[in-house]
PDB file of N, CA and C in Angstrom:
ATOM      1  N   MET A   1      39.893 -48.314 -12.296  1.00  0.00           N
ATOM      2  CA  MET A   1      39.144 -47.921 -13.476  1.00  0.00           C
ATOM      3  C   MET A   1      39.530 -48.818 -14.644  1.00  0.00           C
ATOM      4  N   ILE A   2      38.588 -49.111 -15.483  1.00  0.00           N
ATOM      5  CA  ILE A   2      38.821 -49.945 -16.658  1.00  0.00           C
ATOM      6  C   ILE A   2      39.474 -49.080 -17.731  1.00  0.00           C
ATOM      7  N   THR A   3      40.572 -49.556 -18.291  1.00  0.00           N
ATOM      8  CA  THR A   3      41.216 -48.810 -19.360  1.00  0.00           C
ATOM      9  C   THR A   3      40.942 -49.517 -20.682  1.00  0.00           C
ATOM     10  N   GLY A   4      40.997 -48.764 -21.757  1.00  0.00           N
ATOM     11  CA  GLY A   4      40.760 -49.362 -23.066  1.00  0.00           C
ATOM     12  C   GLY A   4      39.277 -49.495 -23.347  1.00  0.00           C
ATOM     13  N   ASN A   5      38.952 -50.417 -24.195  1.00  0.00           N
ATOM     14  CA  ASN A   5      37.583 -50.607 -24.646  1.00  0.00           C
ATOM     15  C   ASN A   5      36.789 -51.419 -23.630  1.00  0.00           C
ATOM     16  N   LEU A   6      35.712 -50.855 -23.161  1.00  0.00           N
ATOM     17  CA  LEU A   6      34.862 -51.519 -22.171  1.00  0.00           C
ATOM     18  C   LEU A   6      34.250 -52.795 -22.735  1.00  0.00           C
ATOM     19  N   GLY A   7      33.830 -52.750 -24.000  1.00  0.00           N
ATOM     20  CA  GLY A   7      33.245 -53.926 -24.630  1.00  0.00           C
ATOM     21  C   GLY A   7      34.217 -55.092 -24.699  1.00  0.00           C
ATOM     22  N   THR A   8      35.463 -54.788 -25.039  1.00  0.00           N
ATOM     23  CA  THR A   8      36.490 -55.833 -25.106  1.00  0.00           C
ATOM     24  C   THR A   8      36.710 -56.455 -23.731  1.00  0.00           C
ATOM     25  N   ALA A   9      36.730 -55.612 -22.710  1.00  0.00           N
ATOM     26  CA  ALA A   9      36.916 -56.116 -21.350  1.00  0.00           C
ATOM     27  C   ALA A   9      35.749 -57.008 -20.935  1.00  0.00           C
ATOM     28  N   LEU A  10      34.532 -56.622 -21.333  1.00  0.00           N
ATOM     29  CA  LEU A  10      33.361 -57.457 -21.019  1.00  0.00           C
ATOM     30  C   LEU A  10      33.441 -58.800 -21.748  1.00  0.00           C
ATOM     31  N   ARG A  11      33.866 -58.780 -23.010  1.00  0.00           N
ATOM     32  CA  ARG A  11      34.002 -60.031 -23.762  1.00  0.00           C
ATOM     33  C   ARG A  11      35.048 -60.934 -23.109  1.00  0.00           C
ATOM     34  N   GLU A  12      36.164 -60.349 -22.686  1.00  0.00           N
ATOM     35  CA  GLU A  12      37.209 -61.148 -22.033  1.00  0.00           C
ATOM     36  C   GLU A  12      36.692 -61.784 -20.747  1.00  0.00           C
ATOM     37  N   LEU A  13      35.904 -61.048 -19.985  1.00  0.00           N
ATOM     38  CA  LEU A  13      35.301 -61.621 -18.776  1.00  0.00           C
ATOM     39  C   LEU A  13      34.367 -62.773 -19.121  1.00  0.00           C
ATOM     40  N   ARG A  14      33.547 -62.569 -20.156  1.00  0.00           N
ATOM     41  CA  ARG A  14      32.615 -63.629 -20.561  1.00  0.00           C
ATOM     42  C   ARG A  14      33.375 -64.868 -21.007  1.00  0.00           C
ATOM     43  N   GLU A  15      34.385 -64.680 -21.834  1.00  0.00           N
ATOM     44  CA  GLU A  15      35.164 -65.823 -22.315  1.00  0.00           C
ATOM     45  C   GLU A  15      35.880 -66.532 -21.169  1.00  0.00           C
ATOM     46  N   ALA A  16      36.398 -65.752 -20.215  1.00  0.00           N
ATOM     47  CA  ALA A  16      37.080 -66.347 -19.058  1.00  0.00           C
ATOM     48  C   ALA A  16      36.111 -67.157 -18.200  1.00  0.00           C
ATOM     49  N   SER A  17      34.836 -66.749 -18.212  1.00  0.00           N
ATOM     50  CA  SER A  17      33.838 -67.484 -17.431  1.00  0.00           C
ATOM     51  C   SER A  17      33.418 -68.782 -18.120  1.00  0.00           C
ATOM     52  N   GLY A  18      33.750 -68.897 -19.420  1.00  0.00           N
ATOM     53  CA  GLY A  18      33.394 -70.096 -20.169  1.00  0.00           C
ATOM     54  C   GLY A  18      31.945 -70.116 -20.636  1.00  0.00           C
ATOM     55  N   ARG A  19      31.264 -68.984 -20.564  1.00  0.00           N
ATOM     56  CA  ARG A  19      29.853 -68.932 -20.958  1.00  0.00           C
ATOM     57  C   ARG A  19      29.705 -68.476 -22.404  1.00  0.00           C
ATOM     58  N   GLN A  20      28.699 -69.013 -23.046  1.00  0.00           N
ATOM     59  CA  GLN A  20      28.386 -68.630 -24.416  1.00  0.00           C
ATOM     60  C   GLN A  20      27.680 -67.271 -24.427  1.00  0.00           C
ATOM     61  N   ALA A  21      27.857 -66.527 -25.515  1.00  0.00           N
ATOM     62  CA  ALA A  21      27.248 -65.206 -25.645  1.00  0.00           C
ATOM     63  C   ALA A  21      25.727 -65.278 -25.538  1.00  0.00           C
ATOM     64  N   ASN A  22      25.119 -66.282 -26.153  1.00  0.00           N
ATOM     65  CA  ASN A  22      23.654 -66.409 -26.093  1.00  0.00           C
ATOM     66  C   ASN A  22      23.159 -66.572 -24.666  1.00  0.00           C
ATOM     67  N   THR A  23      23.874 -67.357 -23.882  1.00  0.00           N
ATOM     68  CA  THR A  23      23.489 -67.592 -22.489  1.00  0.00           C
ATOM     69  C   THR A  23      23.587 -66.313 -21.676  1.00  0.00           C
ATOM     70  N   VAL A  24      24.676 -65.578 -21.866  1.00  0.00           N
ATOM     71  CA  VAL A  24      24.877 -64.327 -21.125  1.00  0.00           C
ATOM     72  C   VAL A  24      23.842 -63.295 -21.557  1.00  0.00           C
ATOM     73  N   ALA A  25      23.595 -63.197 -22.854  1.00  0.00           N
ATOM     74  CA  ALA A  25      22.607 -62.240 -23.354  1.00  0.00           C
ATOM     75  C   ALA A  25      21.229 -62.523 -22.758  1.00  0.00           C
ATOM     76  N   ARG A  26      20.842 -63.790 -22.742  1.00  0.00           N
ATOM     77  CA  ARG A  26      19.551 -64.168 -22.164  1.00  0.00           C
ATOM     78  C   ARG A  26      19.494 -63.774 -20.694  1.00  0.00           C
ATOM     79  N   GLY A  27      20.575 -64.050 -19.955  1.00  0.00           N
ATOM     80  CA  GLY A  27      20.622 -63.706 -18.536  1.00  0.00           C
ATOM     81  C   GLY A  27      20.647 -62.213 -18.282  1.00  0.00           C
ATOM     82  N   ALA A  28      21.115 -61.451 -19.275  1.00  0.00           N
ATOM     83  CA  ALA A  28      21.187 -59.988 -19.143  1.00  0.00           C
ATOM     84  C   ALA A  28      19.960 -59.293 -19.716  1.00  0.00           C
ATOM     85  N   ALA A  29      18.975 -60.090 -20.165  1.00  0.00           N
ATOM     86  CA  ALA A  29      17.728 -59.558 -20.728  1.00  0.00           C
ATOM     87  C   ALA A  29      17.991 -58.657 -21.935  1.00  0.00           C
ATOM     88  N   MET A  30      18.862 -59.129 -22.822  1.00  0.00           N
ATOM     89  CA  MET A  30      19.130 -58.403 -24.063  1.00  0.00           C
ATOM     90  C   MET A  30      19.337 -59.413 -25.178  1.00  0.00           C
ATOM     91  N   SER A  31      19.286 -58.942 -26.392  1.00  0.00           N
ATOM     92  CA  SER A  31      19.480 -59.850 -27.521  1.00  0.00           C
ATOM     93  C   SER A  31      20.957 -60.203 -27.659  1.00  0.00           C
ATOM     94  N   ALA A  32      21.212 -61.334 -28.263  1.00  0.00           N
ATOM     95  CA  ALA A  32      22.596 -61.731 -28.527  1.00  0.00           C
ATOM     96  C   ALA A  32      23.254 -60.733 -29.462  1.00  0.00           C
ATOM     97  N   SER A  33      22.485 -60.152 -30.361  1.00  0.00           N
ATOM     98  CA  SER A  33      22.994 -59.142 -31.287  1.00  0.00           C
ATOM     99  C   SER A  33      23.490 -57.908 -30.536  1.00  0.00           C
ATOM    100  N   LYS A  34      22.719 -57.466 -29.550  1.00  0.00           N
ATOM    101  CA  LYS A  34      23.127 -56.294 -28.767  1.00  0.00           C
ATOM    102  C   LYS A  34      24.399 -56.593 -27.985  1.00  0.00           C
ATOM    103  N   LEU A  35      24.469 -57.760 -27.369  1.00  0.00           N
ATOM    104  CA  LEU A  35      25.674 -58.130 -26.627  1.00  0.00           C
ATOM    105  C   LEU A  35      26.878 -58.158 -27.560  1.00  0.00           C
ATOM    106  N   SER A  36      26.702 -58.711 -28.740  1.00  0.00           N
ATOM    107  CA  SER A  36      27.785 -58.769 -29.719  1.00  0.00           C
ATOM    108  C   SER A  36      28.252 -57.369 -30.105  1.00  0.00           C
ATOM    109  N   LYS A  37      27.311 -56.466 -30.331  1.00  0.00           N
ATOM    110  CA  LYS A  37      27.666 -55.090 -30.690  1.00  0.00           C
ATOM    111  C   LYS A  37      28.429 -54.404 -29.556  1.00  0.00           C
ATOM    112  N   ILE A  38      28.025 -54.655 -28.333  1.00  0.00           N
ATOM    113  CA  ILE A  38      28.719 -54.084 -27.170  1.00  0.00           C
ATOM    114  C   ILE A  38      30.138 -54.641 -27.098  1.00  0.00           C
ATOM    115  N   GLU A  39      30.267 -55.959 -27.207  1.00  0.00           N
ATOM    116  CA  GLU A  39      31.588 -56.595 -27.090  1.00  0.00           C
ATOM    117  C   GLU A  39      32.533 -56.181 -28.209  1.00  0.00           C
ATOM    118  N   ARG A  40      32.012 -55.888 -29.384  1.00  0.00           N
ATOM    119  CA  ARG A  40      32.855 -55.482 -30.508  1.00  0.00           C
ATOM    120  C   ARG A  40      33.099 -53.981 -30.549  1.00  0.00           C
ATOM    121  N   GLY A  41      32.489 -53.240 -29.623  1.00  0.00           N
ATOM    122  CA  GLY A  41      32.701 -51.797 -29.568  1.00  0.00           C
ATOM    123  C   GLY A  41      31.857 -51.004 -30.551  1.00  0.00           C
ATOM    124  N   HIS A  42      30.817 -51.615 -31.112  1.00  0.00           N
ATOM    125  CA  HIS A  42      29.939 -50.929 -32.049  1.00  0.00           C
ATOM    126  C   HIS A  42      28.788 -50.227 -31.346  1.00  0.00           C
ATOM    127  N   LEU A  43      28.601 -50.529 -30.080  1.00  0.00           N
ATOM    128  CA  LEU A  43      27.533 -49.926 -29.291  1.00  0.00           C
ATOM    129  C   LEU A  43      28.067 -49.675 -27.888  1.00  0.00           C
ATOM    130  N   ALA A  44      27.937 -48.440 -27.436  1.00  0.00           N
ATOM    131  CA  ALA A  44      28.388 -48.104 -26.082  1.00  0.00           C
ATOM    132  C   ALA A  44      27.362 -48.629 -25.079  1.00  0.00           C
ATOM    133  N   PRO A  45      27.802 -49.440 -24.137  1.00  0.00           N
ATOM    134  CA  PRO A  45      26.848 -49.975 -23.160  1.00  0.00           C
ATOM    135  C   PRO A  45      26.481 -48.931 -22.116  1.00  0.00           C
ATOM    136  N   SER A  46      25.226 -48.936 -21.716  1.00  0.00           N
ATOM    137  CA  SER A  46      24.810 -48.074 -20.610  1.00  0.00           C
ATOM    138  C   SER A  46      25.281 -48.727 -19.312  1.00  0.00           C
ATOM    139  N   PRO A  47      25.324 -47.961 -18.238  1.00  0.00           N
ATOM    140  CA  PRO A  47      25.668 -48.581 -16.951  1.00  0.00           C
ATOM    141  C   PRO A  47      24.727 -49.737 -16.601  1.00  0.00           C
ATOM    142  N   LEU A  48      23.448 -49.627 -16.970  1.00  0.00           N
ATOM    143  CA  LEU A  48      22.496 -50.709 -16.708  1.00  0.00           C
ATOM    144  C   LEU A  48      22.841 -51.946 -17.535  1.00  0.00           C
ATOM    145  N   ASP A  49      23.217 -51.750 -18.811  1.00  0.00           N
ATOM    146  CA  ASP A  49      23.644 -52.878 -19.645  1.00  0.00           C
ATOM    147  C   ASP A  49      24.827 -53.601 -19.007  1.00  0.00           C
ATOM    148  N   VAL A  50      25.791 -52.825 -18.547  1.00  0.00           N
ATOM    149  CA  VAL A  50      26.996 -53.409 -17.934  1.00  0.00           C
ATOM    150  C   VAL A  50      26.622 -54.182 -16.680  1.00  0.00           C
ATOM    151  N   GLU A  51      25.768 -53.592 -15.864  1.00  0.00           N
ATOM    152  CA  GLU A  51      25.355 -54.267 -14.624  1.00  0.00           C
ATOM    153  C   GLU A  51      24.640 -55.585 -14.923  1.00  0.00           C
ATOM    154  N   ARG A  52      23.784 -55.579 -15.928  1.00  0.00           N
ATOM    155  CA  ARG A  52      23.052 -56.800 -16.284  1.00  0.00           C
ATOM    156  C   ARG A  52      23.995 -57.887 -16.832  1.00  0.00           C
ATOM    157  N   ILE A  53      24.922 -57.479 -17.677  1.00  0.00           N
ATOM    158  CA  ILE A  53      25.884 -58.443 -18.228  1.00  0.00           C
ATOM    159  C   ILE A  53      26.710 -59.055 -17.106  1.00  0.00           C
ATOM    160  N   LEU A  54      27.194 -58.218 -16.201  1.00  0.00           N
ATOM    161  CA  LEU A  54      28.033 -58.710 -15.109  1.00  0.00           C
ATOM    162  C   LEU A  54      27.236 -59.570 -14.131  1.00  0.00           C
ATOM    163  N   SER A  55      25.961 -59.256 -13.948  1.00  0.00           N
ATOM    164  CA  SER A  55      25.117 -60.109 -13.098  1.00  0.00           C
ATOM    165  C   SER A  55      24.947 -61.476 -13.742  1.00  0.00           C
ATOM    166  N   ALA A  56      24.762 -61.485 -15.066  1.00  0.00           N
ATOM    167  CA  ALA A  56      24.635 -62.762 -15.774  1.00  0.00           C
ATOM    168  C   ALA A  56      25.921 -63.575 -15.682  1.00  0.00           C
ATOM    169  N   LEU A  57      27.061 -62.876 -15.588  1.00  0.00           N
ATOM    170  CA  LEU A  57      28.356 -63.556 -15.456  1.00  0.00           C
ATOM    171  C   LEU A  57      28.669 -63.935 -14.011  1.00  0.00           C
ATOM    172  N   GLN A  58      27.853 -63.448 -13.073  1.00  0.00           N
ATOM    173  CA  GLN A  58      28.008 -63.731 -11.647  1.00  0.00           C
ATOM    174  C   GLN A  58      29.391 -63.331 -11.122  1.00  0.00           C
ATOM    175  N   VAL A  59      29.783 -62.092 -11.441  1.00  0.00           N
ATOM    176  CA  VAL A  59      31.066 -61.587 -10.951  1.00  0.00           C
ATOM    177  C   VAL A  59      30.868 -60.928  -9.585  1.00  0.00           C
ATOM    178  N   SER A  60      31.956 -60.619  -8.932  1.00  0.00           N
ATOM    179  CA  SER A  60      31.897 -60.017  -7.595  1.00  0.00           C
ATOM    180  C   SER A  60      31.366 -58.586  -7.673  1.00  0.00           C
ATOM    181  N   GLU A  61      30.909 -58.096  -6.536  1.00  0.00           N
ATOM    182  CA  GLU A  61      30.409 -56.720  -6.456  1.00  0.00           C
ATOM    183  C   GLU A  61      31.519 -55.715  -6.763  1.00  0.00           C
ATOM    184  N   GLU A  62      32.738 -56.044  -6.384  1.00  0.00           N
ATOM    185  CA  GLU A  62      33.881 -55.159  -6.659  1.00  0.00           C
ATOM    186  C   GLU A  62      34.065 -54.983  -8.174  1.00  0.00           C
ATOM    187  N   VAL A  63      33.996 -56.082  -8.902  1.00  0.00           N
ATOM    188  CA  VAL A  63      34.142 -56.019 -10.364  1.00  0.00           C
ATOM    189  C   VAL A  63      32.977 -55.245 -10.966  1.00  0.00           C
ATOM    190  N   LYS A  64      31.762 -55.501 -10.484  1.00  0.00           N
ATOM    191  CA  LYS A  64      30.592 -54.770 -10.974  1.00  0.00           C
ATOM    192  C   LYS A  64      30.768 -53.268 -10.775  1.00  0.00           C
ATOM    193  N   THR A  65      31.240 -52.889  -9.605  1.00  0.00           N
ATOM    194  CA  THR A  65      31.431 -51.478  -9.292  1.00  0.00           C
ATOM    195  C   THR A  65      32.437 -50.837 -10.233  1.00  0.00           C
ATOM    196  N   ARG A  66      33.568 -51.507 -10.458  1.00  0.00           N
ATOM    197  CA  ARG A  66      34.612 -50.959 -11.348  1.00  0.00           C
ATOM    198  C   ARG A  66      34.089 -50.796 -12.775  1.00  0.00           C
ATOM    199  N   PHE A  67      33.434 -51.806 -13.288  1.00  0.00           N
ATOM    200  CA  PHE A  67      32.937 -51.749 -14.659  1.00  0.00           C
ATOM    201  C   PHE A  67      31.798 -50.736 -14.798  1.00  0.00           C
ATOM    202  N   THR A  68      30.913 -50.667 -13.810  1.00  0.00           N
ATOM    203  CA  THR A  68      29.807 -49.722 -13.871  1.00  0.00           C
ATOM    204  C   THR A  68      30.320 -48.290 -13.820  1.00  0.00           C
ATOM    205  N   GLN A  69      31.339 -48.033 -13.011  1.00  0.00           N
ATOM    206  CA  GLN A  69      31.947 -46.701 -12.963  1.00  0.00           C
ATOM    207  C   GLN A  69      32.553 -46.336 -14.314  1.00  0.00           C
ATOM    208  N   ALA A  70      33.191 -47.300 -14.960  1.00  0.00           N
ATOM    209  CA  ALA A  70      33.767 -47.058 -16.286  1.00  0.00           C
ATOM    210  C   ALA A  70      32.664 -46.737 -17.304  1.00  0.00           C
ATOM    211  N   ALA A  71      31.553 -47.447 -17.225  1.00  0.00           N
ATOM    212  CA  ALA A  71      30.438 -47.190 -18.135  1.00  0.00           C
ATOM    213  C   ALA A  71      29.844 -45.805 -17.891  1.00  0.00           C
ATOM    214  N   ARG A  72      29.725 -45.416 -16.629  1.00  0.00           N
ATOM    215  CA  ARG A  72      29.217 -44.076 -16.314  1.00  0.00           C
ATOM    216  C   ARG A  72      30.147 -42.993 -16.836  1.00  0.00           C
ATOM    217  N   ALA A  73      31.446 -43.203 -16.668  1.00  0.00           N
ATOM    218  CA  ALA A  73      32.423 -42.221 -17.156  1.00  0.00           C
ATOM    219  C   ALA A  73      32.354 -42.100 -18.674  1.00  0.00           C
ATOM    220  N   ALA A  74      32.223 -43.227 -19.353  1.00  0.00           N
ATOM    221  CA  ALA A  74      32.124 -43.213 -20.814  1.00  0.00           C
ATOM    222  C   ALA A  74      30.857 -42.496 -21.261  1.00  0.00           C
ATOM    223  N   MET A  75      29.741 -42.757 -20.601  1.00  0.00           N
ATOM    224  CA  MET A  75      28.482 -42.105 -20.961  1.00  0.00           C
ATOM    225  C   MET A  75      28.544 -40.604 -20.698  1.00  0.00           C
ATOM    226  N   THR A  76      29.233 -40.200 -19.626  1.00  0.00           N
ATOM    227  CA  THR A  76      29.396 -38.781 -19.326  1.00  0.00           C
ATOM    228  C   THR A  76      30.179 -38.097 -20.436  1.00  0.00           C
ATOM    229  N   GLU A  77      31.228 -38.756 -20.913  1.00  0.00           N
ATOM    230  CA  GLU A  77      32.037 -38.194 -21.995  1.00  0.00           C
ATOM    231  C   GLU A  77      31.219 -38.074 -23.280  1.00  0.00           C
ATOM    232  N   VAL A  78      30.454 -39.088 -23.605  1.00  0.00           N
ATOM    233  CA  VAL A  78      29.610 -39.056 -24.804  1.00  0.00           C
ATOM    234  C   VAL A  78      28.588 -37.928 -24.694  1.00  0.00           C
ATOM    235  N   THR A  79      27.975 -37.788 -23.530  1.00  0.00           N
ATOM    236  CA  THR A  79      26.986 -36.737 -23.322  1.00  0.00           C
ATOM    237  C   THR A  79      27.620 -35.361 -23.458  1.00  0.00           C
ATOM    238  N   ALA A  80      28.822 -35.194 -22.938  1.00  0.00           N
ATOM    239  CA  ALA A  80      29.519 -33.908 -23.050  1.00  0.00           C
ATOM    240  C   ALA A  80      29.806 -33.566 -24.510  1.00  0.00           C
ATOM    241  N   TRP A  81      30.237 -34.537 -25.289  1.00  0.00           N
ATOM    242  CA  TRP A  81      30.506 -34.297 -26.710  1.00  0.00           C
ATOM    243  C   TRP A  81      29.232 -33.955 -27.467  1.00  0.00           C
ATOM    244  N   ARG A  82      28.137 -34.634 -27.155  1.00  0.00           N
ATOM    245  CA  ARG A  82      26.869 -34.323 -27.815  1.00  0.00           C
ATOM    246  C   ARG A  82      26.427 -32.898 -27.506  1.00  0.00           C
ATOM    247  N   LEU A  83      26.548 -32.510 -26.245  1.00  0.00           N
ATOM    248  CA  LEU A  83      26.178 -31.166 -25.833  1.00  0.00           C
ATOM    249  C   LEU A  83      27.051 -30.135 -26.537  1.00  0.00           C
ATOM    250  N   HIS A  84      28.340 -30.395 -26.591  1.00  0.00           N
ATOM    251  CA  HIS A  84      29.274 -29.489 -27.270  1.00  0.00           C
ATOM    252  C   HIS A  84      28.877 -29.322 -28.739  1.00  0.00           C
ATOM    253  N   ARG A  85      28.577 -30.433 -29.384  1.00  0.00           N
ATOM    254  CA  ARG A  85      28.204 -30.401 -30.805  1.00  0.00           C
ATOM    255  C   ARG A  85      26.916 -29.618 -31.016  1.00  0.00           C
ATOM    256  N   ARG A  86      25.931 -29.863 -30.181  1.00  0.00           N
ATOM    257  CA  ARG A  86      24.650 -29.148 -30.316  1.00  0.00           C
ATOM    258  C   ARG A  86      24.811 -27.658 -30.095  1.00  0.00           C
ATOM    259  N   LEU A  87      25.581 -27.299 -29.066  1.00  0.00           N
ATOM    260  CA  LEU A  87      25.772 -25.878 -28.786  1.00  0.00           C
ATOM    261  C   LEU A  87      26.554 -25.206 -29.909  1.00  0.00           C
ATOM    262  N   SER A  88      27.514 -25.898 -30.469  1.00  0.00           N
ATOM    263  CA  SER A  88      28.279 -25.341 -31.588  1.00  0.00           C
ATOM    264  C   SER A  88      27.378 -25.109 -32.790  1.00  0.00           C
ATOM    265  N   LEU A  89      26.525 -26.079 -33.089  1.00  0.00           N
ATOM    266  CA  LEU A  89      25.602 -25.922 -34.216  1.00  0.00           C
ATOM    267  C   LEU A  89      24.646 -24.757 -33.985  1.00  0.00           C
ATOM    268  N   LEU A  90      24.138 -24.626 -32.769  1.00  0.00           N
ATOM    269  CA  LEU A  90      23.240 -23.511 -32.459  1.00  0.00           C
ATOM    270  C   LEU A  90      23.949 -22.178 -32.593  1.00  0.00           C
ATOM    271  N   PHE A  91      25.187 -22.121 -32.130  1.00  0.00           N
ATOM    272  CA  PHE A  91      25.966 -20.880 -32.201  1.00  0.00           C
ATOM    273  C   PHE A  91      26.164 -20.457 -33.656  1.00  0.00           C
ATOM    274  N   PHE A  92      26.570 -21.408 -34.504  1.00  0.00           N
ATOM    275  CA  PHE A  92      26.846 -21.061 -35.896  1.00  0.00           C
ATOM    276  C   PHE A  92      25.567 -20.763 -36.679  1.00  0.00           C
ATOM    277  N   ARG A  93      24.442 -21.276 -36.247  1.00  0.00           N
ATOM    278  CA  ARG A  93      23.180 -20.897 -36.885  1.00  0.00           C
ATOM    279  C   ARG A  93      22.793 -19.473 -36.509  1.00  0.00           C
ATOM    280  N   ARG A  94      23.077 -19.124 -35.264  1.00  0.00           N
ATOM    281  CA  ARG A  94      22.709 -17.790 -34.799  1.00  0.00           C
ATOM    282  C   ARG A  94      23.685 -16.736 -35.288  1.00  0.00           C
ATOM    283  N   PHE A  95      24.968 -17.087 -35.353  1.00  0.00           N
ATOM    284  CA  PHE A  95      26.016 -16.158 -35.777  1.00  0.00           C
ATOM    285  C   PHE A  95      26.770 -16.756 -36.965  1.00  0.00           C
ATOM    286  N   PRO A  96      26.149 -16.803 -38.138  1.00  0.00           N
ATOM    287  CA  PRO A  96      26.757 -17.510 -39.278  1.00  0.00           C
ATOM    288  C   PRO A  96      28.044 -16.892 -39.794  1.00  0.00           C
ATOM    289  N   THR A  97      28.329 -15.638 -39.477  1.00  0.00           N
ATOM    290  CA  THR A  97      29.534 -15.001 -39.995  1.00  0.00           C
ATOM    291  C   THR A  97      30.719 -15.107 -39.039  1.00  0.00           C
ATOM    292  N   CYS A  98      30.518 -15.758 -37.881  1.00  0.00           N
ATOM    293  CA  CYS A  98      31.591 -15.892 -36.890  1.00  0.00           C
ATOM    294  C   CYS A  98      32.395 -17.170 -37.149  1.00  0.00           C
ATOM    295  N   GLY A  99      33.619 -17.142 -36.724  1.00  0.00           N
ATOM    296  CA  GLY A  99      34.434 -18.352 -36.728  1.00  0.00           C
ATOM    297  C   GLY A  99      34.940 -18.750 -38.096  1.00  0.00           C
ATOM    298  N   TRP A 100      35.293 -19.980 -38.204  1.00  0.00           N
ATOM    299  CA  TRP A 100      35.946 -20.525 -39.399  1.00  0.00           C
ATOM    300  C   TRP A 100      35.016 -20.653 -40.595  1.00  0.00           C
ATOM    301  N   ARG A 101      33.718 -20.568 -40.377  1.00  0.00           N
ATOM    302  CA  ARG A 101      32.767 -20.742 -41.470  1.00  0.00           C
ATOM    303  C   ARG A 101      32.599 -19.500 -42.328  1.00  0.00           C
ATOM    304  N   SER A 102      33.127 -18.377 -41.908  1.00  0.00           N
ATOM    305  CA  SER A 102      32.903 -17.135 -42.667  1.00  0.00           C
ATOM    306  C   SER A 102      33.789 -17.035 -43.889  1.00  0.00           C
TER     307      SER A 102
END
């Protein structure tokens, strides 16, 4: 499993490959701006984004699998937090006198 920031790990792979960001972005069918945001951690990449970037870098299937699993795990965590936040907001709208808000 990939530890730390997925975007940073993707940037390190790109730099190790010696490819320019514009070239990789073009090969991944995304803008250079989007790739930059992913690499800097300003945008969470989807598993499809990760797969496209790694295909443009021509890495092994093993590396693709590891990075894609990390992207899926990250997206699952983000989705869980969004769901938690939405349910909390709904709860406090329905029961405004409950909890810390009273």
